[in-house]
Amino acid sequence: MHHQMPVNEITHQPINVADRKAQVTAIYNELSFDTPLHARWAAFFDLAGWHWSACVARVDNWKPDFRVTFACGHSECSDSHTLLVSILDVADISGVKDHPALSHRYGVKGTSADAGALFGATPKATQWEMSHGAGGGLDDVVAWTPNAEQLWKEAKTLVHE
């Protein structure tokens, strides 16, 4: 599994976990996260075989939480797709359709990402819109990870609050 340590947005230096200890609310794989939901998504990405990194650079008025890359075997696609992801603690994302992440459909200007994505409190509460094969459209985690619910349950056991 591949992931990168968080870095300071201004200095681009690694963030010292000891400096963040007062802010940390969850630990996964010896990495600290500001919320248990962020930690659980990181664990999920690892279990699903998705490559991820945190502390992604700002895109205009939007600060993604993660950059994720997952395999694609479609003959008309590259070997993978990359998303910039915002995490929100909501069970249903239909009420946040105006979130900046969802305004980045079919690519994120100035990056190599295929789309911006919004991930809620479960794999079912996810959405992005990207090209895939000769077409594309709305997508979610469940469509790309058939055992998403099982992995989500397992991810919870790997997070320490």
Protein backbone atom coordinates (compact mmCIF):
# COMPACT_ATOMS: atom_id res chain seq x y z
CA MET A 1 0.00 0.00 0.00
CA HIS A 2 1.26 3.46 -0.83
CA HIS A 3 0.56 6.60 1.15
CA GLN A 4 2.41 9.80 1.95
CA MET A 5 2.89 11.55 5.27
CA PRO A 6 0.97 14.80 5.75
CA VAL A 7 2.92 17.98 5.02
CA ASN A 8 2.48 21.60 6.06
CA GLU A 9 0.70 23.51 3.26
CA ILE A 10 2.94 26.54 3.68
CA THR A 11 6.40 25.11 4.37
CA HIS A 12 5.86 21.78 2.56
CA GLN A 13 7.71 20.11 5.45
CA PRO A 14 6.43 16.89 7.06
CA ILE A 15 4.05 17.52 9.95
CA ASN A 16 5.44 16.27 13.25
CA VAL A 17 2.87 13.97 14.84
CA ALA A 18 3.87 15.24 18.31
CA ASP A 19 3.00 18.81 17.23
CA ARG A 20 -0.46 17.64 16.17
CA LYS A 21 -1.16 15.40 19.17
CA ALA A 22 -3.67 17.83 20.71
CA GLN A 23 -5.65 17.86 17.43
CA VAL A 24 -5.55 14.14 16.68
CA THR A 25 -8.76 12.24 17.23
CA ALA A 26 -7.89 8.99 15.43
CA ILE A 27 -4.90 6.82 14.56
CA TYR A 28 -4.66 4.39 11.66
CA ASN A 29 -1.48 2.52 10.73
CA GLU A 30 0.60 4.80 12.98
CA LEU A 31 -0.72 7.88 11.15
CA SER A 32 -2.78 10.56 12.84
CA PHE A 33 -6.03 11.95 11.47
CA ASP A 34 -8.21 14.84 12.56
CA THR A 35 -11.35 12.70 12.54
CA PRO A 36 -12.15 9.00 12.86
CA LEU A 37 -13.98 9.20 9.52
CA HIS A 38 -10.83 10.39 7.72
CA ALA A 39 -8.85 7.57 9.34
CA ARG A 40 -11.50 5.02 8.38
CA TRP A 41 -11.43 6.14 4.75
CA ALA A 42 -7.62 5.80 4.74
CA ALA A 43 -7.97 2.25 6.09
CA PHE A 44 -10.65 1.51 3.49
CA PHE A 45 -8.40 2.75 0.68
CA ASP A 46 -5.63 0.42 1.83
CA LEU A 47 -7.99 -2.55 2.13
CA ALA A 48 -9.42 -1.86 -1.33
CA GLY A 49 -5.94 -1.60 -2.84
CA TRP A 50 -6.34 2.08 -3.67
CA HIS A 51 -3.23 4.28 -3.45
CA TRP A 52 -3.81 7.42 -1.38
CA SER A 53 -2.16 10.50 0.01
CA ALA A 54 -3.44 13.13 2.41
CA CYS A 55 -2.97 16.89 2.65
CA VAL A 56 -3.58 17.50 -1.03
CA ALA A 57 -2.89 20.99 -2.41
CA ARG A 58 -5.74 23.47 -2.63
CA VAL A 59 -7.63 23.75 -5.94
CA ASP A 60 -9.14 27.25 -6.21
CA ASN A 61 -11.69 27.52 -3.35
CA TRP A 62 -11.50 23.81 -2.52
CA LYS A 63 -9.13 21.86 -0.22
CA PRO A 64 -9.38 18.12 -0.94
CA ASP A 65 -8.73 15.70 1.93
CA PHE A 66 -7.26 12.85 -0.13
CA ARG A 67 -5.87 11.99 -3.53
CA VAL A 68 -6.79 8.40 -4.42
CA THR A 69 -5.85 6.24 -7.38
CA PHE A 70 -7.53 2.93 -8.19
CA ALA A 71 -7.05 0.37 -10.94
CA CYS A 72 -9.11 0.32 -14.13
CA GLY A 73 -8.99 -2.57 -16.57
CA HIS A 74 -11.08 -0.95 -19.29
CA SER A 75 -9.35 -1.13 -22.68
CA GLU A 76 -10.14 2.51 -23.48
CA CYS A 77 -8.82 3.86 -20.16
CA SER A 78 -5.37 4.20 -18.74
CA ASP A 79 -4.49 1.60 -16.10
CA SER A 80 -6.05 3.70 -13.34
CA HIS A 81 -8.25 6.62 -12.34
CA THR A 82 -7.36 9.35 -9.85
CA LEU A 83 -9.76 11.38 -7.72
CA LEU A 84 -9.34 14.34 -5.40
CA VAL A 85 -11.67 13.57 -2.50
CA SER A 86 -13.40 15.62 0.18
CA ILE A 87 -14.72 13.77 3.22
CA LEU A 88 -17.95 14.92 4.90
CA ASP A 89 -19.60 13.25 7.87
CA VAL A 90 -23.00 12.90 6.21
CA ALA A 91 -25.08 9.80 5.58
CA ASP A 92 -26.62 11.21 2.39
CA ILE A 93 -24.69 13.48 0.03
CA SER A 94 -27.76 14.58 -1.92
CA GLY A 95 -28.03 17.62 0.35
CA VAL A 96 -24.53 18.85 -0.48
CA LYS A 97 -24.64 18.92 -4.28
CA ASP A 98 -23.14 22.43 -4.26
CA HIS A 99 -19.89 21.26 -2.63
CA PRO A 100 -16.82 22.45 -4.62
CA ALA A 101 -15.59 18.85 -5.07
CA LEU A 102 -18.57 18.08 -7.29
CA SER A 103 -17.91 21.06 -9.56
CA HIS A 104 -14.81 19.24 -10.87
CA ARG A 105 -16.41 16.83 -13.31
CA TYR A 106 -14.37 15.02 -15.96
CA GLY A 107 -11.09 16.39 -14.62
CA VAL A 108 -9.63 18.84 -12.14
CA LYS A 109 -7.98 21.79 -13.88
CA GLY A 110 -4.27 22.09 -13.13
CA THR A 111 -3.98 18.48 -11.88
CA SER A 112 -3.83 14.98 -13.33
CA ALA A 113 -6.99 13.94 -11.44
CA ASP A 114 -9.94 12.53 -13.39
CA ALA A 115 -12.50 14.23 -11.13
CA GLY A 116 -13.34 15.75 -7.79
CA ALA A 117 -15.28 13.47 -5.47
CA LEU A 118 -17.36 13.69 -2.35
CA PHE A 119 -17.21 10.81 0.16
CA GLY A 120 -19.67 10.73 3.04
CA ALA A 121 -20.04 8.50 6.08
CA THR A 122 -20.30 5.22 4.12
CA PRO A 123 -19.26 3.85 0.70
CA LYS A 124 -22.88 4.27 -0.43
CA ALA A 125 -22.66 8.02 0.28
CA THR A 126 -20.05 8.78 -2.41
CA GLN A 127 -20.15 10.49 -5.78
CA TRP A 128 -17.99 11.72 -8.63
CA GLU A 129 -18.37 12.23 -12.38
CA MET A 130 -15.59 11.16 -14.74
CA SER A 131 -14.80 9.75 -18.16
CA HIS A 132 -14.61 5.98 -18.36
CA GLY A 133 -14.11 4.02 -21.54
CA ALA A 134 -15.97 5.62 -24.43
CA GLY A 135 -18.38 7.31 -22.04
CA GLY A 136 -18.53 8.04 -18.35
CA GLY A 137 -20.89 9.68 -15.93
CA LEU A 138 -21.77 9.54 -12.27
CA ASP A 139 -19.89 6.98 -10.23
CA ASP A 140 -19.50 5.85 -6.63
CA VAL A 141 -17.30 3.63 -4.47
CA VAL A 142 -19.71 0.68 -4.52
CA ALA A 143 -19.55 0.51 -8.34
CA TRP A 144 -15.73 0.29 -8.22
CA THR A 145 -15.40 -1.91 -5.12
CA PRO A 146 -17.89 -4.80 -5.11
CA ASN A 147 -17.03 -5.78 -1.52
CA ALA A 148 -17.16 -2.16 -0.28
CA GLU A 149 -19.49 -2.80 2.66
CA GLN A 150 -17.34 -5.65 3.98
CA LEU A 151 -14.16 -3.56 3.64
CA TRP A 152 -15.89 -0.60 5.33
CA LYS A 153 -16.72 -2.76 8.36
CA GLU A 154 -13.14 -4.06 8.49
CA ALA A 155 -11.73 -0.53 8.16
CA LYS A 156 -13.55 0.48 11.36
CA THR A 157 -11.65 -2.17 13.33
CA LEU A 158 -8.32 -0.70 12.20
CA VAL A 159 -8.95 2.82 13.50
CA HIS A 160 -8.06 3.76 17.08
CA GLU A 161 -9.77 6.76 18.64
